[in-house]
């Protein structure tokens, strides 16, 4: 009737393009965890002067059409875990938009079709630059509060990544950013482990990058597993090089890390990446040596990692870190080739297990 018109918004569900190969791997005990960055927002944009741009354009991370496509692509090619930057609860300093963006992403149609966890230094909310001195009660308290918020708000989600029933937390930058002369790092980690046990009935599974053999290694000793976010940059990486040339040095470096981990009773998780180039990272004036991308170099890298480490867990740096050029997300020039290579090798590996 006139005057009684009603507008009804019809939400069209996302229709997958690819079958969920990541779930097939997960069910067989093969974990492929990619660092996923949902931090792109006005003022913190994907670099606009990139010579090669995302296939989906210069998107913002709160667009769930983009996020659904990312999950479709990722899980369709074997990735079954996204490791997000930590979304601080009621943030005042660090990435103030991340909590809002992540909660928006949780509403996406495909969110429950991939496992998730978080990676961070976890103490950025102090507003102080690193190193983070855990002998300062403010720093220690910020760390503990951040982890407890994570446990309370997210770790009970059905698709939160767990290993042996334990919620996974990934720590980054610990080897040179976490300091203490009075074992307060160890005390802080013990505190959050106890909180998890009381809240969830399960201990945490902590994966850290504390590989500095010259410090007290409190994080190392308090962790369950060890990884290296960017193994390109080892003692052999001194100038620009191709990924193919760098692979032997990467493997040698990670073998040494594996030995350190085993000697300390820890699991070592190897990492693969397609290259590195932070030329267009407007956040950072310091530029690292370039590891030039090459699909066949990436193929060699993954095959060598599988041959040498036979990992049950594989880290990928990264799905979409466009600041440092480590992304395997489809782009205008190379399409989905990096995802296709990953899937091809993972399918071969699945046959052999």
C-alpha atoms as a PDB file:
ATOM      1  CA  UNK A   1       0.000   0.000   0.000  1.00  0.00           C
ATOM      2  CA  UNK A   2       1.105   3.557  -0.636  1.00  0.00           C
ATOM      3  CA  UNK A   3       3.141   4.910   2.251  1.00  0.00           C
ATOM      4  CA  UNK A   4       3.920   1.430   3.562  1.00  0.00           C
ATOM      5  CA  UNK A   5       6.846   0.586   1.294  1.00  0.00           C
ATOM      6  CA  UNK A   6       9.561  -1.442   2.996  1.00  0.00           C
ATOM      7  CA  UNK A   7      13.094  -1.886   1.738  1.00  0.00           C
ATOM      8  CA  UNK A   8      14.464  -5.371   2.333  1.00  0.00           C
ATOM      9  CA  UNK A   9      18.202  -5.876   2.007  1.00  0.00           C
ATOM     10  CA  UNK A  10      19.031  -9.319   0.679  1.00  0.00           C
ATOM     11  CA  UNK A  11      22.491 -10.540   1.614  1.00  0.00           C
ATOM     12  CA  UNK A  12      23.988 -12.819  -1.014  1.00  0.00           C
ATOM     13  CA  UNK A  13      26.207 -15.487   0.554  1.00  0.00           C
ATOM     14  CA  UNK A  14      29.728 -15.913  -0.785  1.00  0.00           C
ATOM     15  CA  UNK A  15      30.028 -18.864  -3.179  1.00  0.00           C
ATOM     16  CA  UNK A  16      33.414 -20.588  -3.031  1.00  0.00           C
ATOM     17  CA  UNK A  17      35.481 -20.834  -6.200  1.00  0.00           C
ATOM     18  CA  UNK A  18      37.868 -23.484  -4.833  1.00  0.00           C
ATOM     19  CA  UNK A  19      37.347 -26.612  -2.749  1.00  0.00           C
ATOM     20  CA  UNK A  20      38.763 -26.364   0.770  1.00  0.00           C
ATOM     21  CA  UNK A  21      42.055 -28.207   0.267  1.00  0.00           C
ATOM     22  CA  UNK A  22      43.363 -26.652   3.483  1.00  0.00           C
ATOM     23  CA  UNK A  23      40.760 -28.571   5.496  1.00  0.00           C
ATOM     24  CA  UNK A  24      41.786 -31.814   3.804  1.00  0.00           C
ATOM     25  CA  UNK A  25      45.383 -31.194   4.873  1.00  0.00           C
ATOM     26  CA  UNK A  26      44.337 -30.168   8.384  1.00  0.00           C
ATOM     27  CA  UNK A  27      42.331 -33.365   8.813  1.00  0.00           C
ATOM     28  CA  UNK A  28      45.467 -35.315   7.806  1.00  0.00           C
ATOM     29  CA  UNK A  29      47.572 -33.469  10.403  1.00  0.00           C
ATOM     30  CA  UNK A  30      49.357 -31.091   8.007  1.00  0.00           C
ATOM     31  CA  UNK A  31      49.235 -27.454   9.138  1.00  0.00           C
ATOM     32  CA  UNK A  32      50.027 -24.601   6.740  1.00  0.00           C
ATOM     33  CA  UNK A  33      49.841 -21.324   8.656  1.00  0.00           C
ATOM     34  CA  UNK A  34      50.186 -18.025   6.786  1.00  0.00           C
ATOM     35  CA  UNK A  35      50.752 -14.617   8.329  1.00  0.00           C
ATOM     36  CA  UNK A  36      47.696 -12.589   7.329  1.00  0.00           C
ATOM     37  CA  UNK A  37      47.586  -8.797   7.631  1.00  0.00           C
ATOM     38  CA  UNK A  38      44.177  -7.202   8.116  1.00  0.00           C
ATOM     39  CA  UNK A  39      45.672  -3.828   8.999  1.00  0.00           C
ATOM     40  CA  UNK A  40      45.080  -1.937   5.734  1.00  0.00           C
ATOM     41  CA  UNK A  41      42.927   1.116   6.432  1.00  0.00           C
ATOM     42  CA  UNK A  42      42.854   4.795   5.335  1.00  0.00           C
ATOM     43  CA  UNK A  43      46.177   6.226   6.504  1.00  0.00           C
ATOM     44  CA  UNK A  44      47.746   2.764   6.684  1.00  0.00           C
ATOM     45  CA  UNK A  45      47.279   1.829   3.054  1.00  0.00           C
ATOM     46  CA  UNK A  46      48.827  -0.765   0.816  1.00  0.00           C
ATOM     47  CA  UNK A  47      51.636   1.270  -0.828  1.00  0.00           C
ATOM     48  CA  UNK A  48      50.054   3.044  -3.778  1.00  0.00           C
ATOM     49  CA  UNK A  49      53.275   3.212  -5.800  1.00  0.00           C
ATOM     50  CA  UNK A  50      53.823  -0.553  -5.918  1.00  0.00           C
ATOM     51  CA  UNK A  51      54.872  -1.601  -9.424  1.00  0.00           C
ATOM     52  CA  UNK A  52      52.751  -4.744  -8.981  1.00  0.00           C
ATOM     53  CA  UNK A  53      49.418  -4.342  -7.231  1.00  0.00           C
ATOM     54  CA  UNK A  54      46.952  -6.810  -5.676  1.00  0.00           C
ATOM     55  CA  UNK A  55      44.604  -8.505  -8.119  1.00  0.00           C
ATOM     56  CA  UNK A  56      41.741  -7.188  -5.964  1.00  0.00           C
ATOM     57  CA  UNK A  57      43.063  -3.622  -6.101  1.00  0.00           C
ATOM     58  CA  UNK A  58      44.222  -1.389  -3.245  1.00  0.00           C
ATOM     59  CA  UNK A  59      41.678  -2.740  -0.788  1.00  0.00           C
ATOM     60  CA  UNK A  60      40.960  -2.042   2.871  1.00  0.00           C
ATOM     61  CA  UNK A  61      40.880  -4.932   5.316  1.00  0.00           C
ATOM     62  CA  UNK A  62      37.387  -4.298   6.664  1.00  0.00           C
ATOM     63  CA  UNK A  63      35.900  -5.230   3.277  1.00  0.00           C
ATOM     64  CA  UNK A  64      34.556  -8.740   3.850  1.00  0.00           C
ATOM     65  CA  UNK A  65      34.099  -9.335   0.125  1.00  0.00           C
ATOM     66  CA  UNK A  66      37.892  -9.121  -0.068  1.00  0.00           C
ATOM     67  CA  UNK A  67      38.343 -11.156   3.109  1.00  0.00           C
ATOM     68  CA  UNK A  68      36.077 -13.951   1.852  1.00  0.00           C
ATOM     69  CA  UNK A  69      38.049 -14.076  -1.387  1.00  0.00           C
ATOM     70  CA  UNK A  70      41.300 -14.284   0.571  1.00  0.00           C
ATOM     71  CA  UNK A  71      40.021 -17.253   2.588  1.00  0.00           C
ATOM     72  CA  UNK A  72      38.753 -18.922  -0.587  1.00  0.00           C
ATOM     73  CA  UNK A  73      42.124 -18.489  -2.298  1.00  0.00           C
ATOM     74  CA  UNK A  74      44.136 -19.492   0.770  1.00  0.00           C
ATOM     75  CA  UNK A  75      42.170 -22.583   1.805  1.00  0.00           C
ATOM     76  CA  UNK A  76      41.697 -23.574  -1.824  1.00  0.00           C
ATOM     77  CA  UNK A  77      45.470 -23.895  -2.138  1.00  0.00           C
ATOM     78  CA  UNK A  78      46.319 -25.590   1.160  1.00  0.00           C
ATOM     79  CA  UNK A  79      46.556 -22.839   3.773  1.00  0.00           C
ATOM     80  CA  UNK A  80      44.461 -23.763   6.798  1.00  0.00           C
ATOM     81  CA  UNK A  81      45.513 -21.187   9.409  1.00  0.00           C
ATOM     82  CA  UNK A  82      45.675 -17.390   9.256  1.00  0.00           C
ATOM     83  CA  UNK A  83      47.938 -15.752  11.845  1.00  0.00           C
ATOM     84  CA  UNK A  84      46.613 -12.218  12.375  1.00  0.00           C
ATOM     85  CA  UNK A  85      48.343  -9.232  13.968  1.00  0.00           C
ATOM     86  CA  UNK A  86      47.091  -8.958  17.538  1.00  0.00           C
ATOM     87  CA  UNK A  87      43.897  -6.847  17.855  1.00  0.00           C
ATOM     88  CA  UNK A  88      44.432  -4.965  21.113  1.00  0.00           C
ATOM     89  CA  UNK A  89      41.290  -4.744  23.252  1.00  0.00           C
ATOM     90  CA  UNK A  90      40.147  -1.124  23.690  1.00  0.00           C
ATOM     91  CA  UNK A  91      43.487   0.102  22.293  1.00  0.00           C
ATOM     92  CA  UNK A  92      44.882   3.536  23.060  1.00  0.00           C
ATOM     93  CA  UNK A  93      48.215   3.410  21.220  1.00  0.00           C
ATOM     94  CA  UNK A  94      48.833   0.413  18.987  1.00  0.00           C
ATOM     95  CA  UNK A  95      46.822  -0.175  15.784  1.00  0.00           C
ATOM     96  CA  UNK A  96      43.678   1.379  17.221  1.00  0.00           C
ATOM     97  CA  UNK A  97      41.519   0.074  14.348  1.00  0.00           C
ATOM     98  CA  UNK A  98      42.540  -3.593  14.441  1.00  0.00           C
ATOM     99  CA  UNK A  99      40.015  -4.809  16.997  1.00  0.00           C
ATOM    100  CA  UNK A 100      37.148  -3.267  15.031  1.00  0.00           C
ATOM    101  CA  UNK A 101      38.458  -4.700  11.753  1.00  0.00           C
ATOM    102  CA  UNK A 102      38.974  -8.182  13.161  1.00  0.00           C
ATOM    103  CA  UNK A 103      35.477  -8.303  14.647  1.00  0.00           C
ATOM    104  CA  UNK A 104      34.142  -7.244  11.244  1.00  0.00           C
ATOM    105  CA  UNK A 105      36.171 -10.033   9.606  1.00  0.00           C
ATOM    106  CA  UNK A 106      34.662 -12.530  12.051  1.00  0.00           C
ATOM    107  CA  UNK A 107      31.268 -11.807  10.444  1.00  0.00           C
ATOM    108  CA  UNK A 108      32.484 -12.911   6.993  1.00  0.00           C
ATOM    109  CA  UNK A 109      30.768 -15.915   5.403  1.00  0.00           C
ATOM    110  CA  UNK A 110      33.972 -17.957   5.211  1.00  0.00           C
ATOM    111  CA  UNK A 111      35.567 -16.960   8.523  1.00  0.00           C
ATOM    112  CA  UNK A 112      34.770 -20.308  10.139  1.00  0.00           C
ATOM    113  CA  UNK A 113      36.356 -22.186   7.219  1.00  0.00           C
ATOM    114  CA  UNK A 114      39.897 -21.379   8.351  1.00  0.00           C
ATOM    115  CA  UNK A 115      41.648 -21.658  11.716  1.00  0.00           C
ATOM    116  CA  UNK A 116      43.095 -18.502  13.222  1.00  0.00           C
ATOM    117  CA  UNK A 117      45.617 -17.305  15.774  1.00  0.00           C
ATOM    118  CA  UNK A 118      47.524 -14.099  16.537  1.00  0.00           C
ATOM    119  CA  UNK A 119      51.090 -12.849  16.321  1.00  0.00           C
ATOM    120  CA  UNK A 120      52.526  -9.783  18.017  1.00  0.00           C
ATOM    121  CA  UNK A 121      55.064  -8.383  20.443  1.00  0.00           C
ATOM    122  CA  UNK A 122      51.940  -7.887  22.602  1.00  0.00           C
ATOM    123  CA  UNK A 123      53.352  -4.947  24.549  1.00  0.00           C
ATOM    124  CA  UNK A 124      53.062  -2.103  22.037  1.00  0.00           C
ATOM    125  CA  UNK A 125      50.249  -0.625  24.139  1.00  0.00           C
ATOM    126  CA  UNK A 126      52.824   0.766  26.572  1.00  0.00           C
ATOM    127  CA  UNK A 127      53.553   3.414  23.955  1.00  0.00           C
ATOM    128  CA  UNK A 128      57.270   2.924  24.468  1.00  0.00           C
ATOM    129  CA  UNK A 129      59.711   1.836  21.732  1.00  0.00           C
ATOM    130  CA  UNK A 130      61.528  -1.495  22.113  1.00  0.00           C
ATOM    131  CA  UNK A 131      63.332  -3.104  23.774  1.00  0.00           C
ATOM    132  CA  UNK A 132      60.568  -3.931  26.246  1.00  0.00           C
ATOM    133  CA  UNK A 133      61.942  -4.282  29.759  1.00  0.00           C
ATOM    134  CA  UNK A 134      59.804  -6.764  31.664  1.00  0.00           C
ATOM    135  CA  UNK A 135      61.424  -5.619  34.906  1.00  0.00           C
ATOM    136  CA  UNK A 136      59.218  -2.548  34.435  1.00  0.00           C
ATOM    137  CA  UNK A 137      55.847  -3.535  35.997  1.00  0.00           C
ATOM    138  CA  UNK A 138      53.981  -1.476  33.362  1.00  0.00           C
ATOM    139  CA  UNK A 139      55.483  -3.518  30.522  1.00  0.00           C
ATOM    140  CA  UNK A 140      54.943  -6.865  32.216  1.00  0.00           C
ATOM    141  CA  UNK A 141      51.349  -5.932  33.071  1.00  0.00           C
ATOM    142  CA  UNK A 142      50.654  -4.829  29.471  1.00  0.00           C
ATOM    143  CA  UNK A 143      51.925  -8.171  28.158  1.00  0.00           C
ATOM    144  CA  UNK A 144      49.867 -10.188  30.629  1.00  0.00           C
ATOM    145  CA  UNK A 145      46.717  -8.130  30.039  1.00  0.00           C
ATOM    146  CA  UNK A 146      47.002  -8.451  26.249  1.00  0.00           C
ATOM    147  CA  UNK A 147      47.325 -12.236  26.386  1.00  0.00           C
ATOM    148  CA  UNK A 148      44.539 -12.559  28.943  1.00  0.00           C
ATOM    149  CA  UNK A 149      42.257 -10.443  26.727  1.00  0.00           C
ATOM    150  CA  UNK A 150      43.079 -12.716  23.800  1.00  0.00           C
ATOM    151  CA  UNK A 151      42.286 -15.814  25.841  1.00  0.00           C
ATOM    152  CA  UNK A 152      39.031 -14.332  27.149  1.00  0.00           C
ATOM    153  CA  UNK A 153      37.772 -12.900  23.849  1.00  0.00           C
ATOM    154  CA  UNK A 154      38.926 -15.313  21.145  1.00  0.00           C
ATOM    155  CA  UNK A 155      40.630 -18.524  22.275  1.00  0.00           C
ATOM    156  CA  UNK A 156      37.366 -20.362  22.941  1.00  0.00           C
ATOM    157  CA  UNK A 157      36.182 -19.801  19.347  1.00  0.00           C
ATOM    158  CA  UNK A 158      35.548 -23.131  17.572  1.00  0.00           C
ATOM    159  CA  UNK A 159      37.994 -22.264  14.782  1.00  0.00           C
ATOM    160  CA  UNK A 160      40.762 -20.916  17.005  1.00  0.00           C
ATOM    161  CA  UNK A 161      43.963 -22.800  16.151  1.00  0.00           C
ATOM    162  CA  UNK A 162      44.900 -25.380  18.758  1.00  0.00           C
ATOM    163  CA  UNK A 163      47.756 -27.856  18.957  1.00  0.00           C
ATOM    164  CA  UNK A 164      47.138 -30.876  21.189  1.00  0.00           C
ATOM    165  CA  UNK A 165      44.073 -29.048  22.503  1.00  0.00           C
ATOM    166  CA  UNK A 166      46.096 -25.968  23.477  1.00  0.00           C
ATOM    167  CA  UNK A 167      45.312 -22.500  22.029  1.00  0.00           C
ATOM    168  CA  UNK A 168      48.247 -21.258  19.943  1.00  0.00           C
ATOM    169  CA  UNK A 169      49.887 -17.868  20.444  1.00  0.00           C
ATOM    170  CA  UNK A 170      52.745 -16.707  18.213  1.00  0.00           C
ATOM    171  CA  UNK A 171      55.272 -14.230  19.613  1.00  0.00           C
ATOM    172  CA  UNK A 172      57.375 -12.047  17.316  1.00  0.00           C
ATOM    173  CA  UNK A 173      60.496  -9.964  17.960  1.00  0.00           C
ATOM    174  CA  UNK A 174      61.291 -11.602  21.273  1.00  0.00           C
ATOM    175  CA  UNK A 175      64.998 -12.254  20.753  1.00  0.00           C
ATOM    176  CA  UNK A 176      65.949  -8.566  20.699  1.00  0.00           C
ATOM    177  CA  UNK A 177      62.823  -6.823  22.052  1.00  0.00           C
ATOM    178  CA  UNK A 178      62.051  -8.710  25.268  1.00  0.00           C
ATOM    179  CA  UNK A 179      64.562  -8.060  28.070  1.00  0.00           C
ATOM    180  CA  UNK A 180      64.723  -8.782  31.793  1.00  0.00           C
ATOM    181  CA  UNK A 181      67.432  -9.205  34.398  1.00  0.00           C
ATOM    182  CA  UNK A 182      65.146 -10.764  36.990  1.00  0.00           C
ATOM    183  CA  UNK A 183      63.325 -13.532  35.079  1.00  0.00           C
ATOM    184  CA  UNK A 184      60.190 -11.431  34.708  1.00  0.00           C
ATOM    185  CA  UNK A 185      59.601 -12.596  31.115  1.00  0.00           C
ATOM    186  CA  UNK A 186      59.438 -16.157  32.378  1.00  0.00           C
ATOM    187  CA  UNK A 187      57.143 -15.045  35.220  1.00  0.00           C
ATOM    188  CA  UNK A 188      54.803 -13.224  32.796  1.00  0.00           C
ATOM    189  CA  UNK A 189      54.505 -16.237  30.495  1.00  0.00           C
ATOM    190  CA  UNK A 190      53.879 -18.522  33.469  1.00  0.00           C
ATOM    191  CA  UNK A 191      51.114 -16.148  34.608  1.00  0.00           C
ATOM    192  CA  UNK A 192      49.284 -16.228  31.266  1.00  0.00           C
ATOM    193  CA  UNK A 193      49.651 -19.995  31.033  1.00  0.00           C
ATOM    194  CA  UNK A 194      47.980 -20.333  34.438  1.00  0.00           C
ATOM    195  CA  UNK A 195      45.234 -17.919  33.357  1.00  0.00           C
ATOM    196  CA  UNK A 196      44.553 -20.055  30.281  1.00  0.00           C
ATOM    197  CA  UNK A 197      44.332 -23.202  32.403  1.00  0.00           C
ATOM    198  CA  UNK A 198      41.831 -21.580  34.763  1.00  0.00           C
ATOM    199  CA  UNK A 199      39.783 -19.924  31.991  1.00  0.00           C
ATOM    200  CA  UNK A 200      39.797 -22.632  29.311  1.00  0.00           C
ATOM    201  CA  UNK A 201      40.964 -25.739  31.116  1.00  0.00           C
ATOM    202  CA  UNK A 202      43.963 -25.907  28.770  1.00  0.00           C
ATOM    203  CA  UNK A 203      47.525 -24.607  28.739  1.00  0.00           C
ATOM    204  CA  UNK A 204      48.732 -22.338  25.922  1.00  0.00           C
ATOM    205  CA  UNK A 205      50.897 -23.524  23.027  1.00  0.00           C
ATOM    206  CA  UNK A 206      53.438 -20.728  22.562  1.00  0.00           C
ATOM    207  CA  UNK A 207      55.465 -20.401  19.364  1.00  0.00           C
ATOM    208  CA  UNK A 208      58.240 -17.797  19.584  1.00  0.00           C
ATOM    209  CA  UNK A 209      61.171 -16.530  17.561  1.00  0.00           C
ATOM    210  CA  UNK A 210      63.621 -16.378  20.463  1.00  0.00           C
ATOM    211  CA  UNK A 211      66.669 -17.681  18.624  1.00  0.00           C
ATOM    212  CA  UNK A 212      69.296 -15.386  20.140  1.00  0.00           C
ATOM    213  CA  UNK A 213      71.791 -17.745  21.753  1.00  0.00           C
ATOM    214  CA  UNK A 214      73.564 -14.799  23.391  1.00  0.00           C
ATOM    215  CA  UNK A 215      70.698 -13.683  25.650  1.00  0.00           C
ATOM    216  CA  UNK A 216      69.070 -15.386  28.625  1.00  0.00           C
ATOM    217  CA  UNK A 217      66.488 -17.006  26.314  1.00  0.00           C
ATOM    218  CA  UNK A 218      63.658 -16.706  28.812  1.00  0.00           C
ATOM    219  CA  UNK A 219      61.103 -16.754  25.995  1.00  0.00           C
ATOM    220  CA  UNK A 220      62.828 -19.741  24.368  1.00  0.00           C
ATOM    221  CA  UNK A 221      62.749 -21.690  27.606  1.00  0.00           C
ATOM    222  CA  UNK A 222      59.099 -20.749  28.165  1.00  0.00           C
ATOM    223  CA  UNK A 223      57.952 -21.669  24.629  1.00  0.00           C
ATOM    224  CA  UNK A 224      56.704 -24.887  23.075  1.00  0.00           C
ATOM    225  CA  UNK A 225      58.047 -24.271  19.560  1.00  0.00           C
ATOM    226  CA  UNK A 226      60.423 -21.944  17.705  1.00  0.00           C
ATOM    227  CA  UNK A 227      60.197 -20.292  14.283  1.00  0.00           C
ATOM    228  CA  UNK A 228      61.942 -17.545  12.298  1.00  0.00           C
ATOM    229  CA  UNK A 229      59.649 -15.034  10.599  1.00  0.00           C
ATOM    230  CA  UNK A 230      62.082 -14.122   7.815  1.00  0.00           C
ATOM    231  CA  UNK A 231      64.937 -16.632   7.455  1.00  0.00           C
ATOM    232  CA  UNK A 232      66.180 -14.796   4.364  1.00  0.00           C
ATOM    233  CA  UNK A 233      68.156 -12.532   6.633  1.00  0.00           C
ATOM    234  CA  UNK A 234      70.821 -14.751   8.077  1.00  0.00           C
ATOM    235  CA  UNK A 235      74.572 -14.319   8.304  1.00  0.00           C
ATOM    236  CA  UNK A 236      74.941 -14.902   4.530  1.00  0.00           C
ATOM    237  CA  UNK A 237      72.472 -12.241   3.345  1.00  0.00           C
ATOM    238  CA  UNK A 238      74.570  -9.143   2.792  1.00  0.00           C
ATOM    239  CA  UNK A 239      73.400  -7.855  -0.590  1.00  0.00           C
ATOM    240  CA  UNK A 240      70.547  -8.098  -3.084  1.00  0.00           C
ATOM    241  CA  UNK A 241      70.130 -11.638  -4.372  1.00  0.00           C
ATOM    242  CA  UNK A 242      67.608 -13.926  -6.023  1.00  0.00           C
ATOM    243  CA  UNK A 243      65.528 -16.288  -3.939  1.00  0.00           C
ATOM    244  CA  UNK A 244      66.989 -19.249  -5.843  1.00  0.00           C
ATOM    245  CA  UNK A 245      70.535 -18.185  -4.931  1.00  0.00           C
ATOM    246  CA  UNK A 246      69.510 -17.675  -1.311  1.00  0.00           C
ATOM    247  CA  UNK A 247      67.794 -21.047  -0.785  1.00  0.00           C
ATOM    248  CA  UNK A 248      70.944 -23.043   0.199  1.00  0.00           C
ATOM    249  CA  UNK A 249      71.790 -20.427   2.831  1.00  0.00           C
ATOM    250  CA  UNK A 250      68.199 -20.370   4.114  1.00  0.00           C
ATOM    251  CA  UNK A 251      68.161 -24.153   4.518  1.00  0.00           C
ATOM    252  CA  UNK A 252      71.555 -24.158   6.241  1.00  0.00           C
ATOM    253  CA  UNK A 253      70.397 -21.386   8.588  1.00  0.00           C
ATOM    254  CA  UNK A 254      67.155 -23.146   9.477  1.00  0.00           C
ATOM    255  CA  UNK A 255      69.015 -26.412  10.096  1.00  0.00           C
ATOM    256  CA  UNK A 256      71.077 -24.595  12.696  1.00  0.00           C
ATOM    257  CA  UNK A 257      67.909 -23.167  14.238  1.00  0.00           C
ATOM    258  CA  UNK A 258      66.403 -26.650  14.277  1.00  0.00           C
ATOM    259  CA  UNK A 259      69.458 -27.969  16.109  1.00  0.00           C
ATOM    260  CA  UNK A 260      69.248 -25.176  18.698  1.00  0.00           C
ATOM    261  CA  UNK A 261      65.544 -25.917  19.129  1.00  0.00           C
ATOM    262  CA  UNK A 262      66.030 -29.675  19.504  1.00  0.00           C
ATOM    263  CA  UNK A 263      68.856 -29.189  21.996  1.00  0.00           C
ATOM    264  CA  UNK A 264      66.459 -27.067  24.040  1.00  0.00           C
ATOM    265  CA  UNK A 265      63.654 -29.607  23.784  1.00  0.00           C
ATOM    266  CA  UNK A 266      61.592 -27.448  21.406  1.00  0.00           C
ATOM    267  CA  UNK A 267      59.820 -28.087  18.102  1.00  0.00           C
ATOM    268  CA  UNK A 268      61.218 -26.109  15.148  1.00  0.00           C
ATOM    269  CA  UNK A 269      58.740 -24.776  12.581  1.00  0.00           C
ATOM    270  CA  UNK A 270      60.270 -23.858   9.186  1.00  0.00           C
ATOM    271  CA  UNK A 271      59.100 -20.865   7.161  1.00  0.00           C
ATOM    272  CA  UNK A 272      58.726 -20.351   3.408  1.00  0.00           C
ATOM    273  CA  UNK A 273      58.376 -17.023   1.595  1.00  0.00           C
ATOM    274  CA  UNK A 274      58.422 -15.889  -2.050  1.00  0.00           C
ATOM    275  CA  UNK A 275      60.912 -13.039  -1.636  1.00  0.00           C
ATOM    276  CA  UNK A 276      61.444  -9.749   0.180  1.00  0.00           C
ATOM    277  CA  UNK A 277      61.470  -6.134  -0.984  1.00  0.00           C
ATOM    278  CA  UNK A 278      60.612  -3.249   1.337  1.00  0.00           C
ATOM    279  CA  UNK A 279      61.536  -0.552  -1.196  1.00  0.00           C
ATOM    280  CA  UNK A 280      57.977   0.798  -1.140  1.00  0.00           C
ATOM    281  CA  UNK A 281      57.436   0.564   2.623  1.00  0.00           C
ATOM    282  CA  UNK A 282      56.706   4.194   3.504  1.00  0.00           C
ATOM    283  CA  UNK A 283      56.711   3.331   7.237  1.00  0.00           C
ATOM    284  CA  UNK A 284      60.409   2.567   7.315  1.00  0.00           C
ATOM    285  CA  UNK A 285      63.333   4.524   5.868  1.00  0.00           C
ATOM    286  CA  UNK A 286      65.744   1.644   6.503  1.00  0.00           C
ATOM    287  CA  UNK A 287      65.858  -0.678   3.516  1.00  0.00           C
ATOM    288  CA  UNK A 288      66.994  -4.288   3.731  1.00  0.00           C
ATOM    289  CA  UNK A 289      68.687  -6.274   0.957  1.00  0.00           C
ATOM    290  CA  UNK A 290      66.193  -7.333  -1.708  1.00  0.00           C
ATOM    291  CA  UNK A 291      65.445 -11.027  -2.203  1.00  0.00           C
ATOM    292  CA  UNK A 292      64.117 -10.993  -5.760  1.00  0.00           C
ATOM    293  CA  UNK A 293      60.936 -12.966  -6.323  1.00  0.00           C
ATOM    294  CA  UNK A 294      60.806 -15.863  -8.757  1.00  0.00           C
ATOM    295  CA  UNK A 295      58.128 -18.582  -8.914  1.00  0.00           C
ATOM    296  CA  UNK A 296      60.643 -21.339  -9.626  1.00  0.00           C
ATOM    297  CA  UNK A 297      62.819 -20.134  -6.760  1.00  0.00           C
ATOM    298  CA  UNK A 298      59.767 -20.339  -4.503  1.00  0.00           C
ATOM    299  CA  UNK A 299      59.101 -23.870  -5.746  1.00  0.00           C
ATOM    300  CA  UNK A 300      62.699 -24.862  -4.957  1.00  0.00           C
ATOM    301  CA  UNK A 301      62.447 -23.266  -1.513  1.00  0.00           C
ATOM    302  CA  UNK A 302      59.304 -25.213  -0.524  1.00  0.00           C
ATOM    303  CA  UNK A 303      60.652 -28.509  -1.884  1.00  0.00           C
ATOM    304  CA  UNK A 304      63.933 -28.101   0.003  1.00  0.00           C
ATOM    305  CA  UNK A 305      62.083 -27.298   3.225  1.00  0.00           C
ATOM    306  CA  UNK A 306      59.893 -30.395   2.902  1.00  0.00           C
ATOM    307  CA  UNK A 307      62.873 -32.597   1.989  1.00  0.00           C
ATOM    308  CA  UNK A 308      65.068 -31.371   4.842  1.00  0.00           C
ATOM    309  CA  UNK A 309      62.539 -30.848   7.646  1.00  0.00           C
ATOM    310  CA  UNK A 310      59.484 -32.993   6.802  1.00  0.00           C
ATOM    311  CA  UNK A 311      57.379 -30.517   8.777  1.00  0.00           C
ATOM    312  CA  UNK A 312      53.953 -31.201  10.235  1.00  0.00           C
ATOM    313  CA  UNK A 313      53.592 -27.421  10.580  1.00  0.00           C
ATOM    314  CA  UNK A 314      54.760 -24.993   7.896  1.00  0.00           C
ATOM    315  CA  UNK A 315      54.712 -21.200   8.237  1.00  0.00           C
ATOM    316  CA  UNK A 316      54.213 -18.954   5.201  1.00  0.00           C
ATOM    317  CA  UNK A 317      55.510 -15.377   5.277  1.00  0.00           C
ATOM    318  CA  UNK A 318      53.143 -14.098   4.107  1.00  0.00           C
ATOM    319  CA  UNK A 319      49.701 -14.136   2.528  1.00  0.00           C
ATOM    320  CA  UNK A 320      49.445 -10.371   2.060  1.00  0.00           C
ATOM    321  CA  UNK A 321      52.274  -8.329   3.611  1.00  0.00           C
ATOM    322  CA  UNK A 322      52.577  -5.773   0.796  1.00  0.00           C
ATOM    323  CA  UNK A 323      54.916  -3.443   2.701  1.00  0.00           C
ATOM    324  CA  UNK A 324      57.761  -5.975   2.579  1.00  0.00           C
ATOM    325  CA  UNK A 325      56.887  -7.757  -0.643  1.00  0.00           C
ATOM    326  CA  UNK A 326      56.523 -11.184   0.970  1.00  0.00           C
ATOM    327  CA  UNK A 327      52.960 -11.759  -0.226  1.00  0.00           C
ATOM    328  CA  UNK A 328      51.705 -14.779  -2.145  1.00  0.00           C
ATOM    329  CA  UNK A 329      48.305 -13.122  -2.567  1.00  0.00           C
ATOM    330  CA  UNK A 330      47.396 -12.969  -6.272  1.00  0.00           C
ATOM    331  CA  UNK A 331      48.687  -9.872  -8.055  1.00  0.00           C
ATOM    332  CA  UNK A 332      48.185  -8.213 -11.419  1.00  0.00           C
ATOM    333  CA  UNK A 333      51.410  -9.521 -12.968  1.00  0.00           C
ATOM    334  CA  UNK A 334      51.865 -13.050 -11.589  1.00  0.00           C
ATOM    335  CA  UNK A 335      48.210 -13.986 -10.991  1.00  0.00           C
ATOM    336  CA  UNK A 336      47.797 -16.950  -8.630  1.00  0.00           C
ATOM    337  CA  UNK A 337      51.058 -18.715  -9.539  1.00  0.00           C
ATOM    338  CA  UNK A 338      52.501 -18.711  -5.995  1.00  0.00           C
ATOM    339  CA  UNK A 339      49.349 -20.266  -4.569  1.00  0.00           C
ATOM    340  CA  UNK A 340      49.311 -22.836  -7.381  1.00  0.00           C
ATOM    341  CA  UNK A 341      52.918 -23.814  -6.665  1.00  0.00           C
ATOM    342  CA  UNK A 342      52.155 -24.197  -2.963  1.00  0.00           C
ATOM    343  CA  UNK A 343      49.142 -26.404  -3.688  1.00  0.00           C
ATOM    344  CA  UNK A 344      50.978 -28.528  -6.239  1.00  0.00           C
ATOM    345  CA  UNK A 345      53.782 -29.364  -3.806  1.00  0.00           C
ATOM    346  CA  UNK A 346      51.416 -29.933  -0.884  1.00  0.00           C
ATOM    347  CA  UNK A 347      49.368 -32.373  -2.998  1.00  0.00           C
ATOM    348  CA  UNK A 348      52.551 -34.302  -3.780  1.00  0.00           C
ATOM    349  CA  UNK A 349      53.456 -34.342  -0.098  1.00  0.00           C
ATOM    350  CA  UNK A 350      49.993 -35.575   0.872  1.00  0.00           C
ATOM    351  CA  UNK A 351      50.408 -38.579  -1.451  1.00  0.00           C
ATOM    352  CA  UNK A 352      53.700 -39.466   0.230  1.00  0.00           C
ATOM    353  CA  UNK A 353      52.315 -39.483   3.782  1.00  0.00           C
END
